[in-house]
């Protein structure tokens, strides 16, 4: 299952960083799936994402179930430790990811997103995720559909309007 393998992949790539914990894992999965959806029309994982207090997270029932399966199989190792006076929950990869399950494009998306967010700590990545209008307007525990990742509070400028008009004309065959 590619969803479980994505969790191993992210843990493998971020696990050696002192700032890596559950929050960074959750946001990495959210950004990876949304960026891939925007580029290709489909996410990489089977997760749906919901609004929670500290930002978007995979829907907990599926995420926790898969996490527990991976931990029980020793594919992920769950560790809790002190991080500046707070409990940091971390999932480390217990093995190498199965790279062959991912397309070249998926690997490029995953690696690009991880490189963009790897230096964020839990508080910083949560703050970043709170800047997205989809999260801001959703109710607590409400699903954040992938198409909402593009929502913006920015007023369209002339360039945006010209682009939209061209797209409409191309779609309508005019």
N, C-alpha and C. Protein backbone atom coordinates (compact mmCIF):
# COMPACT_ATOMS: atom_id res chain seq x y z
N UNK A 1 0.85 -1.18 0.00
CA UNK A 1 0.00 0.00 0.00
C UNK A 1 0.89 1.24 0.00
N UNK A 2 0.70 2.06 -1.00
CA UNK A 2 1.54 3.24 -1.18
C UNK A 2 1.43 4.24 -0.03
N UNK A 3 0.26 4.31 0.61
CA UNK A 3 0.07 5.25 1.71
C UNK A 3 1.00 4.93 2.86
N UNK A 4 1.07 3.66 3.22
CA UNK A 4 1.98 3.26 4.30
C UNK A 4 3.43 3.51 3.89
N UNK A 5 3.72 3.23 2.64
CA UNK A 5 5.09 3.42 2.17
C UNK A 5 5.48 4.89 2.17
N UNK A 6 4.52 5.78 1.91
CA UNK A 6 4.80 7.21 1.98
C UNK A 6 5.17 7.61 3.40
N UNK A 7 4.49 7.04 4.38
CA UNK A 7 4.82 7.33 5.78
C UNK A 7 6.26 6.89 6.10
N UNK A 8 6.64 5.72 5.62
CA UNK A 8 8.01 5.23 5.83
C UNK A 8 9.00 6.15 5.11
N UNK A 9 8.67 6.54 3.90
CA UNK A 9 9.54 7.41 3.09
C UNK A 9 9.80 8.72 3.83
N UNK A 10 8.74 9.38 4.30
CA UNK A 10 8.91 10.67 4.98
C UNK A 10 9.71 10.48 6.27
N UNK A 11 9.40 9.43 7.03
CA UNK A 11 10.15 9.17 8.26
C UNK A 11 11.63 8.90 7.96
N UNK A 12 11.88 8.20 6.87
CA UNK A 12 13.25 7.91 6.45
C UNK A 12 14.01 9.20 6.12
N UNK A 13 13.35 10.10 5.40
CA UNK A 13 13.99 11.34 4.96
C UNK A 13 14.16 12.36 6.09
N UNK A 14 13.22 12.41 7.04
CA UNK A 14 13.26 13.45 8.07
C UNK A 14 13.74 12.95 9.43
N UNK A 15 13.80 11.65 9.61
CA UNK A 15 14.06 11.06 10.93
C UNK A 15 15.34 11.49 11.62
N UNK A 16 16.36 11.86 10.88
CA UNK A 16 17.64 12.23 11.51
C UNK A 16 17.69 13.71 11.92
N UNK A 17 16.63 14.44 11.71
CA UNK A 17 16.59 15.88 12.03
C UNK A 17 16.03 16.06 13.43
N UNK A 18 16.67 16.89 14.23
CA UNK A 18 16.23 17.10 15.62
C UNK A 18 14.86 17.77 15.69
N UNK A 19 14.47 18.51 14.68
CA UNK A 19 13.18 19.21 14.66
C UNK A 19 12.03 18.33 14.20
N UNK A 20 12.33 17.11 13.78
CA UNK A 20 11.31 16.22 13.24
C UNK A 20 10.50 15.57 14.34
N UNK A 21 9.19 15.69 14.20
CA UNK A 21 8.26 15.03 15.10
C UNK A 21 6.95 14.79 14.38
N UNK A 22 5.93 14.41 15.13
CA UNK A 22 4.63 14.07 14.54
C UNK A 22 4.03 15.23 13.76
N UNK A 23 4.21 16.45 14.24
CA UNK A 23 3.63 17.61 13.55
C UNK A 23 4.25 17.78 12.18
N UNK A 24 5.57 17.69 12.10
CA UNK A 24 6.23 17.83 10.80
C UNK A 24 5.84 16.68 9.86
N UNK A 25 5.69 15.48 10.39
CA UNK A 25 5.25 14.35 9.57
C UNK A 25 3.87 14.61 9.00
N UNK A 26 2.94 15.03 9.85
CA UNK A 26 1.57 15.30 9.39
C UNK A 26 1.54 16.37 8.30
N UNK A 27 2.28 17.45 8.50
CA UNK A 27 2.26 18.53 7.52
C UNK A 27 2.98 18.12 6.24
N UNK A 28 4.04 17.32 6.35
CA UNK A 28 4.73 16.83 5.16
C UNK A 28 3.77 16.02 4.30
N UNK A 29 3.01 15.13 4.92
CA UNK A 29 2.05 14.32 4.18
C UNK A 29 1.01 15.22 3.51
N UNK A 30 0.51 16.21 4.24
CA UNK A 30 -0.50 17.14 3.70
C UNK A 30 0.04 17.90 2.48
N UNK A 31 1.23 18.48 2.62
CA UNK A 31 1.79 19.25 1.52
C UNK A 31 2.16 18.36 0.33
N UNK A 32 2.71 17.19 0.59
CA UNK A 32 3.06 16.26 -0.49
C UNK A 32 1.82 15.90 -1.31
N UNK A 33 0.78 15.48 -0.63
CA UNK A 33 -0.43 15.08 -1.34
C UNK A 33 -1.07 16.24 -2.10
N UNK A 34 -1.09 17.42 -1.49
CA UNK A 34 -1.70 18.57 -2.16
C UNK A 34 -0.89 19.03 -3.36
N UNK A 35 0.41 19.10 -3.22
CA UNK A 35 1.25 19.52 -4.35
C UNK A 35 1.13 18.52 -5.49
N UNK A 36 1.15 17.23 -5.16
CA UNK A 36 1.02 16.22 -6.21
C UNK A 36 -0.35 16.29 -6.87
N UNK A 37 -1.38 16.53 -6.07
CA UNK A 37 -2.74 16.68 -6.62
C UNK A 37 -2.80 17.87 -7.59
N UNK A 38 -2.21 18.98 -7.22
CA UNK A 38 -2.25 20.16 -8.09
C UNK A 38 -1.52 19.92 -9.41
N UNK A 39 -0.45 19.15 -9.36
CA UNK A 39 0.32 18.90 -10.58
C UNK A 39 -0.26 17.79 -11.44
N UNK A 40 -0.90 16.80 -10.79
CA UNK A 40 -1.28 15.59 -11.51
C UNK A 40 -2.74 15.18 -11.39
N UNK A 41 -3.50 15.90 -10.59
CA UNK A 41 -4.91 15.58 -10.44
C UNK A 41 -5.23 14.48 -9.46
N UNK A 42 -4.20 13.89 -8.84
CA UNK A 42 -4.40 12.85 -7.82
C UNK A 42 -3.34 13.01 -6.73
N UNK A 43 -3.70 12.70 -5.49
CA UNK A 43 -2.69 12.70 -4.43
C UNK A 43 -1.86 11.41 -4.52
N UNK A 44 -0.81 11.33 -3.75
CA UNK A 44 0.00 10.11 -3.71
C UNK A 44 -0.62 9.09 -2.76
N UNK A 45 -1.10 9.56 -1.62
CA UNK A 45 -1.64 8.64 -0.61
C UNK A 45 -3.15 8.52 -0.72
N UNK A 46 -3.70 7.69 0.14
CA UNK A 46 -5.14 7.52 0.24
C UNK A 46 -5.73 8.38 1.36
N UNK A 47 -4.92 9.22 1.97
CA UNK A 47 -5.40 10.04 3.07
C UNK A 47 -6.37 11.11 2.61
N UNK A 48 -7.32 11.42 3.45
CA UNK A 48 -8.05 12.66 3.38
C UNK A 48 -7.53 13.48 4.55
N UNK A 49 -7.63 14.78 4.47
CA UNK A 49 -7.07 15.66 5.49
C UNK A 49 -8.19 16.47 6.13
N UNK A 50 -8.02 16.73 7.42
CA UNK A 50 -9.02 17.49 8.15
C UNK A 50 -8.35 18.64 8.88
N UNK A 51 -9.18 19.62 9.25
CA UNK A 51 -8.70 20.74 10.05
C UNK A 51 -8.64 20.30 11.51
N UNK A 52 -7.49 20.52 12.12
CA UNK A 52 -7.33 20.34 13.56
C UNK A 52 -6.68 21.61 14.10
N UNK A 53 -6.63 21.74 15.40
CA UNK A 53 -6.16 22.97 16.03
C UNK A 53 -4.77 23.38 15.57
N UNK A 54 -3.88 22.42 15.37
CA UNK A 54 -2.51 22.76 15.00
C UNK A 54 -2.27 22.65 13.50
N UNK A 55 -3.35 22.62 12.72
CA UNK A 55 -3.23 22.60 11.27
C UNK A 55 -3.81 21.34 10.68
N UNK A 56 -3.67 21.19 9.37
CA UNK A 56 -4.22 20.02 8.69
C UNK A 56 -3.49 18.74 9.12
N UNK A 57 -4.25 17.67 9.25
CA UNK A 57 -3.67 16.36 9.54
C UNK A 57 -4.39 15.31 8.71
N UNK A 58 -3.72 14.17 8.47
CA UNK A 58 -4.47 13.08 7.86
C UNK A 58 -5.63 12.70 8.78
N UNK A 59 -6.72 12.24 8.21
CA UNK A 59 -7.87 11.83 9.01
C UNK A 59 -7.37 10.78 10.01
N UNK A 60 -7.58 11.03 11.31
CA UNK A 60 -6.93 10.21 12.35
C UNK A 60 -7.22 8.71 12.31
N UNK A 61 -8.44 8.28 12.01
CA UNK A 61 -8.73 6.85 12.06
C UNK A 61 -7.82 6.06 11.13
N UNK A 62 -7.69 6.51 9.88
CA UNK A 62 -6.82 5.80 8.93
C UNK A 62 -5.36 5.98 9.30
N UNK A 63 -4.95 7.21 9.60
CA UNK A 63 -3.54 7.47 9.92
C UNK A 63 -3.08 6.63 11.11
N UNK A 64 -3.84 6.65 12.19
CA UNK A 64 -3.43 5.92 13.39
C UNK A 64 -3.44 4.41 13.17
N UNK A 65 -4.40 3.94 12.40
CA UNK A 65 -4.45 2.52 12.07
C UNK A 65 -3.21 2.09 11.29
N UNK A 66 -2.86 2.88 10.27
CA UNK A 66 -1.67 2.56 9.46
C UNK A 66 -0.39 2.71 10.28
N UNK A 67 -0.34 3.76 11.10
CA UNK A 67 0.84 3.95 11.96
C UNK A 67 1.03 2.74 12.85
N UNK A 68 -0.03 2.27 13.48
CA UNK A 68 0.07 1.12 14.37
C UNK A 68 0.50 -0.14 13.62
N UNK A 69 -0.03 -0.35 12.42
CA UNK A 69 0.39 -1.50 11.60
C UNK A 69 1.88 -1.43 11.30
N UNK A 70 2.34 -0.24 10.92
CA UNK A 70 3.77 -0.07 10.58
C UNK A 70 4.66 -0.25 11.80
N UNK A 71 4.23 0.24 12.95
CA UNK A 71 5.01 0.07 14.19
C UNK A 71 5.04 -1.40 14.59
N UNK A 72 3.90 -2.09 14.52
CA UNK A 72 3.84 -3.51 14.88
C UNK A 72 4.70 -4.38 13.98
N UNK A 73 4.87 -3.95 12.72
CA UNK A 73 5.70 -4.69 11.77
C UNK A 73 7.16 -4.24 11.81
N UNK A 74 7.48 -3.29 12.70
CA UNK A 74 8.83 -2.71 12.82
C UNK A 74 9.26 -1.94 11.57
N UNK A 75 8.29 -1.54 10.75
CA UNK A 75 8.60 -0.70 9.59
C UNK A 75 8.80 0.75 10.04
N UNK A 76 8.12 1.12 11.14
CA UNK A 76 8.32 2.40 11.80
C UNK A 76 8.59 2.13 13.27
N UNK A 77 9.40 2.98 13.87
CA UNK A 77 9.70 2.89 15.30
C UNK A 77 9.20 4.16 15.96
N UNK A 78 8.34 3.99 16.96
CA UNK A 78 7.73 5.12 17.66
C UNK A 78 8.56 5.46 18.90
N UNK A 79 8.96 6.73 19.01
CA UNK A 79 9.78 7.19 20.14
C UNK A 79 9.20 8.50 20.66
N UNK A 80 9.17 8.62 21.98
CA UNK A 80 8.79 9.89 22.60
C UNK A 80 10.00 10.39 23.40
N UNK A 81 10.31 11.66 23.27
CA UNK A 81 11.40 12.22 24.03
C UNK A 81 11.11 13.69 24.36
N UNK A 82 11.91 14.24 25.24
CA UNK A 82 11.77 15.64 25.63
C UNK A 82 12.40 16.52 24.55
N UNK A 83 11.66 17.55 24.15
CA UNK A 83 12.17 18.51 23.17
C UNK A 83 11.85 19.89 23.70
N UNK A 84 12.82 20.52 24.35
CA UNK A 84 12.66 21.84 24.93
C UNK A 84 11.45 21.91 25.87
N UNK A 85 11.33 20.91 26.74
CA UNK A 85 10.29 20.91 27.74
C UNK A 85 8.94 20.37 27.28
N UNK A 86 8.86 19.89 26.07
CA UNK A 86 7.62 19.31 25.54
C UNK A 86 7.89 17.88 25.10
N UNK A 87 6.86 17.07 25.11
CA UNK A 87 7.00 15.70 24.62
C UNK A 87 6.94 15.71 23.10
N UNK A 88 7.99 15.20 22.50
CA UNK A 88 8.05 15.10 21.05
C UNK A 88 7.81 13.65 20.65
N UNK A 89 6.81 13.44 19.82
CA UNK A 89 6.49 12.10 19.32
C UNK A 89 7.11 11.98 17.94
N UNK A 90 7.91 10.91 17.78
CA UNK A 90 8.63 10.75 16.52
C UNK A 90 8.44 9.34 15.98
N UNK A 91 8.35 9.24 14.68
CA UNK A 91 8.32 7.96 13.99
C UNK A 91 9.57 7.86 13.12
N UNK A 92 10.38 6.88 13.40
CA UNK A 92 11.59 6.64 12.62
C UNK A 92 11.36 5.46 11.69
N UNK A 93 11.97 5.52 10.53
CA UNK A 93 11.88 4.40 9.59
C UNK A 93 12.68 3.23 10.15
N UNK A 94 12.05 2.06 10.18
CA UNK A 94 12.72 0.84 10.62
C UNK A 94 13.40 0.11 9.48
N UNK A 95 13.22 0.64 8.28
CA UNK A 95 13.80 0.04 7.07
C UNK A 95 13.84 1.09 5.97
N UNK A 96 14.47 0.75 4.89
CA UNK A 96 14.48 1.62 3.70
C UNK A 96 13.09 1.61 3.07
N UNK A 97 12.67 2.74 2.54
CA UNK A 97 11.40 2.74 1.80
C UNK A 97 11.51 1.88 0.55
N UNK A 98 10.38 1.40 0.08
CA UNK A 98 10.33 0.66 -1.18
C UNK A 98 10.18 1.67 -2.31
N UNK A 99 11.30 2.17 -2.76
CA UNK A 99 11.33 3.24 -3.76
C UNK A 99 10.56 2.86 -5.02
N UNK A 100 10.59 1.57 -5.36
CA UNK A 100 9.98 1.12 -6.62
C UNK A 100 8.46 1.31 -6.65
N UNK A 101 7.84 1.55 -5.51
CA UNK A 101 6.38 1.76 -5.47
C UNK A 101 5.99 3.15 -5.95
N UNK A 102 6.98 4.04 -6.08
CA UNK A 102 6.71 5.42 -6.46
C UNK A 102 7.22 5.71 -7.86
N UNK A 103 6.46 6.51 -8.59
CA UNK A 103 6.92 6.94 -9.91
C UNK A 103 8.02 7.99 -9.74
N UNK A 104 8.72 8.26 -10.81
CA UNK A 104 9.76 9.30 -10.79
C UNK A 104 9.15 10.64 -10.41
N UNK A 105 7.97 10.93 -10.94
CA UNK A 105 7.29 12.18 -10.63
C UNK A 105 6.90 12.25 -9.14
N UNK A 106 6.42 11.14 -8.59
CA UNK A 106 6.06 11.12 -7.17
C UNK A 106 7.29 11.35 -6.29
N UNK A 107 8.39 10.69 -6.62
CA UNK A 107 9.63 10.88 -5.86
C UNK A 107 10.08 12.33 -5.94
N UNK A 108 9.98 12.93 -7.11
CA UNK A 108 10.37 14.34 -7.27
C UNK A 108 9.51 15.24 -6.40
N UNK A 109 8.21 14.99 -6.37
CA UNK A 109 7.30 15.79 -5.54
C UNK A 109 7.63 15.62 -4.07
N UNK A 110 7.78 14.38 -3.63
CA UNK A 110 8.07 14.10 -2.22
C UNK A 110 9.37 14.79 -1.81
N UNK A 111 10.41 14.59 -2.60
CA UNK A 111 11.72 15.16 -2.25
C UNK A 111 11.70 16.69 -2.26
N UNK A 112 10.99 17.28 -3.21
CA UNK A 112 10.90 18.74 -3.28
C UNK A 112 10.18 19.30 -2.05
N UNK A 113 9.04 18.72 -1.70
CA UNK A 113 8.29 19.20 -0.53
C UNK A 113 9.13 19.02 0.73
N UNK A 114 9.74 17.87 0.89
CA UNK A 114 10.55 17.63 2.08
C UNK A 114 11.69 18.63 2.17
N UNK A 115 12.36 18.91 1.05
CA UNK A 115 13.47 19.87 1.09
C UNK A 115 12.97 21.27 1.46
N UNK A 116 11.73 21.61 1.08
CA UNK A 116 11.17 22.93 1.39
C UNK A 116 10.82 23.08 2.87
N UNK A 117 10.40 22.00 3.52
CA UNK A 117 9.91 22.11 4.90
C UNK A 117 10.82 21.48 5.94
N UNK A 118 11.92 20.87 5.53
CA UNK A 118 12.76 20.09 6.44
C UNK A 118 13.30 20.88 7.63
N UNK A 119 13.50 22.17 7.48
CA UNK A 119 14.08 22.97 8.56
C UNK A 119 13.05 23.54 9.53
N UNK A 120 11.77 23.35 9.24
CA UNK A 120 10.72 23.86 10.12
C UNK A 120 10.59 22.97 11.35
N UNK A 121 10.33 23.60 12.51
CA UNK A 121 9.96 22.80 13.68
C UNK A 121 8.44 22.70 13.70
N UNK A 122 7.90 21.99 14.69
CA UNK A 122 6.47 21.77 14.75
C UNK A 122 5.66 23.05 14.79
N UNK A 123 6.09 24.01 15.60
CA UNK A 123 5.36 25.28 15.71
C UNK A 123 5.41 26.06 14.40
N UNK A 124 6.57 26.09 13.77
CA UNK A 124 6.72 26.85 12.52
C UNK A 124 5.91 26.24 11.38
N UNK A 125 5.91 24.91 11.28
CA UNK A 125 5.16 24.28 10.18
C UNK A 125 3.67 24.40 10.43
N UNK A 126 3.25 24.39 11.70
CA UNK A 126 1.83 24.61 12.01
C UNK A 126 1.43 26.02 11.61
N UNK A 127 2.27 26.99 11.95
CA UNK A 127 1.99 28.39 11.59
C UNK A 127 1.88 28.53 10.07
N UNK A 128 2.77 27.90 9.34
CA UNK A 128 2.70 27.95 7.87
C UNK A 128 1.38 27.36 7.38
N UNK A 129 0.98 26.23 7.91
CA UNK A 129 -0.25 25.58 7.45
C UNK A 129 -1.49 26.40 7.79
N UNK A 130 -1.40 27.24 8.81
CA UNK A 130 -2.53 28.09 9.19
C UNK A 130 -2.71 29.27 8.24
N UNK A 131 -1.76 29.51 7.37
CA UNK A 131 -1.87 30.62 6.43
C UNK A 131 -2.72 30.28 5.21
N UNK A 132 -3.04 29.02 5.03
CA UNK A 132 -3.82 28.60 3.86
C UNK A 132 -5.30 28.86 4.12
N UNK A 133 -5.97 29.57 3.20
CA UNK A 133 -7.39 29.89 3.38
C UNK A 133 -8.27 28.68 3.63
N UNK A 134 -7.96 27.54 3.01
CA UNK A 134 -8.78 26.34 3.22
C UNK A 134 -8.84 25.99 4.69
N UNK A 135 -7.71 26.05 5.38
CA UNK A 135 -7.67 25.74 6.81
C UNK A 135 -8.39 26.83 7.60
N UNK A 136 -8.21 28.08 7.21
CA UNK A 136 -8.79 29.19 7.95
C UNK A 136 -10.31 29.18 7.92
N UNK A 137 -10.91 28.81 6.81
CA UNK A 137 -12.37 28.88 6.70
C UNK A 137 -13.07 27.58 7.09
N UNK A 138 -12.34 26.50 7.23
CA UNK A 138 -12.96 25.22 7.57
C UNK A 138 -13.32 25.18 9.06
N UNK A 139 -14.33 24.39 9.36
CA UNK A 139 -14.70 24.14 10.75
C UNK A 139 -13.78 23.06 11.31
N UNK A 140 -13.63 23.02 12.62
CA UNK A 140 -12.82 22.00 13.28
C UNK A 140 -13.28 20.61 12.84
N UNK A 141 -12.33 19.76 12.46
CA UNK A 141 -12.55 18.38 12.00
C UNK A 141 -13.18 18.27 10.61
N UNK A 142 -13.37 19.40 9.93
CA UNK A 142 -13.92 19.38 8.58
C UNK A 142 -12.85 18.93 7.59
N UNK A 143 -13.27 18.17 6.59
CA UNK A 143 -12.35 17.72 5.55
C UNK A 143 -11.85 18.91 4.75
N UNK A 144 -10.59 18.85 4.35
CA UNK A 144 -9.97 19.87 3.51
C UNK A 144 -9.73 19.24 2.12
N UNK A 145 -10.71 19.34 1.22
CA UNK A 145 -10.54 18.72 -0.11
C UNK A 145 -9.31 19.28 -0.82
N UNK A 146 -8.70 18.45 -1.65
CA UNK A 146 -7.46 18.84 -2.32
C UNK A 146 -7.62 20.09 -3.16
N UNK A 147 -8.76 20.27 -3.82
CA UNK A 147 -8.93 21.45 -4.68
C UNK A 147 -8.93 22.75 -3.88
N UNK A 148 -9.14 22.68 -2.57
CA UNK A 148 -9.15 23.90 -1.75
C UNK A 148 -7.75 24.41 -1.44
N UNK A 149 -6.74 23.63 -1.76
CA UNK A 149 -5.35 24.04 -1.49
C UNK A 149 -4.99 25.31 -2.27
N UNK A 150 -5.68 25.55 -3.36
CA UNK A 150 -5.39 26.72 -4.19
C UNK A 150 -6.16 27.98 -3.77
N UNK A 151 -7.06 27.85 -2.82
CA UNK A 151 -7.83 29.03 -2.41
C UNK A 151 -6.89 30.16 -2.00
N UNK A 152 -7.33 31.37 -2.27
CA UNK A 152 -6.51 32.54 -1.96
C UNK A 152 -7.41 33.69 -1.53
N UNK A 153 -6.88 34.52 -0.65
CA UNK A 153 -7.57 35.74 -0.26
C UNK A 153 -7.16 36.90 -1.16
N UNK A 154 -6.19 36.66 -2.03
CA UNK A 154 -5.68 37.69 -2.92
C UNK A 154 -6.72 38.03 -3.99
N UNK A 155 -6.92 39.30 -4.22
CA UNK A 155 -7.82 39.74 -5.28
C UNK A 155 -7.14 39.51 -6.62
N UNK A 156 -7.85 38.89 -7.58
CA UNK A 156 -7.24 38.65 -8.89
C UNK A 156 -6.83 39.96 -9.56
N UNK A 157 -5.64 39.95 -10.18
CA UNK A 157 -5.21 41.13 -10.93
C UNK A 157 -5.55 40.92 -12.40
N UNK A 158 -5.19 41.88 -13.24
CA UNK A 158 -5.51 41.80 -14.67
C UNK A 158 -4.91 40.56 -15.33
N UNK A 159 -3.70 40.20 -14.93
CA UNK A 159 -3.05 39.01 -15.48
C UNK A 159 -3.85 37.76 -15.13
N UNK A 160 -4.29 37.65 -13.87
CA UNK A 160 -5.09 36.51 -13.43
C UNK A 160 -6.39 36.42 -14.23
N UNK A 161 -7.06 37.55 -14.40
CA UNK A 161 -8.32 37.58 -15.13
C UNK A 161 -8.14 37.22 -16.60
N UNK A 162 -7.06 37.71 -17.20
CA UNK A 162 -6.77 37.39 -18.61
C UNK A 162 -6.51 35.89 -18.75
N UNK A 163 -5.75 35.32 -17.82
CA UNK A 163 -5.47 33.88 -17.85
C UNK A 163 -6.77 33.09 -17.72
N UNK A 164 -7.63 33.48 -16.78
CA UNK A 164 -8.90 32.76 -16.57
C UNK A 164 -9.78 32.84 -17.81
N UNK A 165 -9.84 34.01 -18.43
CA UNK A 165 -10.64 34.17 -19.63
C UNK A 165 -10.13 33.27 -20.75
N UNK A 166 -8.81 33.18 -20.91
CA UNK A 166 -8.20 32.33 -21.93
C UNK A 166 -8.54 30.85 -21.65
N UNK A 167 -8.47 30.46 -20.39
CA UNK A 167 -8.79 29.09 -20.03
C UNK A 167 -10.25 28.74 -20.34
N UNK A 168 -11.14 29.67 -20.05
CA UNK A 168 -12.56 29.46 -20.33
C UNK A 168 -12.78 29.35 -21.83
N UNK A 169 -12.13 30.19 -22.60
CA UNK A 169 -12.28 30.15 -24.06
C UNK A 169 -11.75 28.83 -24.62
N UNK A 170 -10.62 28.36 -24.09
CA UNK A 170 -10.05 27.09 -24.57
C UNK A 170 -10.96 25.91 -24.22
N UNK A 171 -11.54 25.95 -23.04
CA UNK A 171 -12.42 24.86 -22.61
C UNK A 171 -13.73 24.83 -23.38
N UNK A 172 -14.21 26.01 -23.75
CA UNK A 172 -15.49 26.08 -24.44
C UNK A 172 -15.33 25.94 -25.95
N UNK A 173 -14.10 25.92 -26.42
CA UNK A 173 -13.83 25.76 -27.84
C UNK A 173 -14.07 27.00 -28.66
N UNK A 174 -14.15 28.16 -28.02
CA UNK A 174 -14.40 29.42 -28.74
C UNK A 174 -13.15 29.94 -29.40
